[in-house]
Each structure stands twice: as structure tokens, then as C-alpha cells.
Amino acid sequence: MREILGRRRRHRPRRKKSSAQLDAALICAAVWKWPVLPGATPAAGAATGERGRGCSCPDPECAVPGAHPFDPGLLAATTDERMVRWWWTNRPTAPLVLATGGGAPCALSLPAVAGARALTALDGMGLRLGPVVATPTRWSLLVSPYTLERLGELLHAKDRVPSSLRFHGEGGYLILPPSEVGTGQVRWERAPEAGDAAPWLPDVETVLDALVEASNSAPDGGSRLTY
């Protein structure tokens, strides 16, 4: 009898280890209540720009391999733990996509070089920042949710806004760490503070004002945030 039980124990299937993406997705969805969904997977050769091997999406000429939702409608984004587990159990290397806006964080992004300069300038102003997402090409500063109407009012009130700025608000999305996309690894330049509470986020107006000030204060009269 012991021999039979021993054989049964040896043949008991082991549980699969969760992927880093699944762990991160569960924190976002179940702990922080940020709606997420899996991204399209960059194919081999995407990072080197090899033609015809860019992305798992149907578009053979995809310009942003892996850096967009696998479901383009974004309607599938959820905070449901069971759905998140199912998605990343079946696609463990899928990028982690945050559906921005509504009750979820929004973001302002800049090219990577300008983003590094911006963080230095904002730190010099003593501005408290929230999490910052970095890719090899762009850095994104997470901010509290805002509506498109409020964003329009803020931009209308400015004489000049850096042309390099992009806004990720209602109906938008943002790739979160530890995803890997066609341009390379996605990481936290400023990681969320540890703990079960959702990360603190600054107001979009405060960050936008600071970015505009940093841009317009370049010694030569140009912009530090154009590259």
C-alpha cells in the first residue's frame, strides 16, 4: 500500500509557476483596482525592426509591436482576478496593458531623453511625483484620472505646450512593467511605493504646469523637452 501511495505522490502534477506578468497584473487588478488586459506579443526580430516579424496582431506592418492591446476595443479591460489569471495563464508572456481614464490612472509621456531631463527639472522644483514608467523610447508620468474636457481646458489655457508631450486619458492605454515590447523592456523609473494601497498620483494640472515651466525655461529660449 505504501508503495502505491508513494507512486501516486511522485506522479502528482505540479502547479505551474506564475509569470512575472501575471503577478504584476494581479497586483494592478485585484489590489490597486486598475483595469488591465493583455497586450499583443512582439514576435522575434521586432526589436531589431526585422520586417514581417513584428507583432502577434493581424497587422503585418504594425508600427508598435507589442505596445498595444491584443483586443483593440479595450472593452475587455477588467479588475476581475479570475479573468486576469485566465488571460496570463494562457499567455504568460503577454505585455501588461493598463486601460487609462475613468477611475484608472492617466499619464503624460515624453520621449526618453526629454523624460529624463523632465524628471531632473521636476525634482529640482520639489514636485512630488507618482510612478514613472520607462521604455527605451518614452517615459510616462502617471497622474490621477482626468476627463478629456478637463484636459482640453488645461491645454487651451497654455500659450505653449511641448510638442513632444502625449496624453493617455479616457479610452487610452499604457504598457506597464515588466512587459517587453518591440522597442525593448518596460520598467519602473520610479516604482510605486510598496504596500496594499493604490499608488499615490499627482494631479494632471500640477504635472502639466511643471512640465511647461521646465520646457520654457531653457537658457537658449528653446525647449528642453523636444527630443
Foldseek 3Di string as FASTA:
>chain_A
DVVVVVVVVVPDDDDDDAAPQLVVLLLVQVQANFFKAFFWAAFPPLQVVPQQRGTPAPDSPDPWHLWAHNPNQSPPTHSDSVVSCVRCVVVVQTFIKTQAADQHWKKKKFFPQLVVLLVVQCVVVVDDFWWWKDFNTMIITIAGADDPVVVVVLVVPDPDAAPRIDIAHHRGMGTAPQHAISNGGMDIPGDFDDDSYHGDHHHPSVSRVSQVVQQCPPPVRGGSGHD
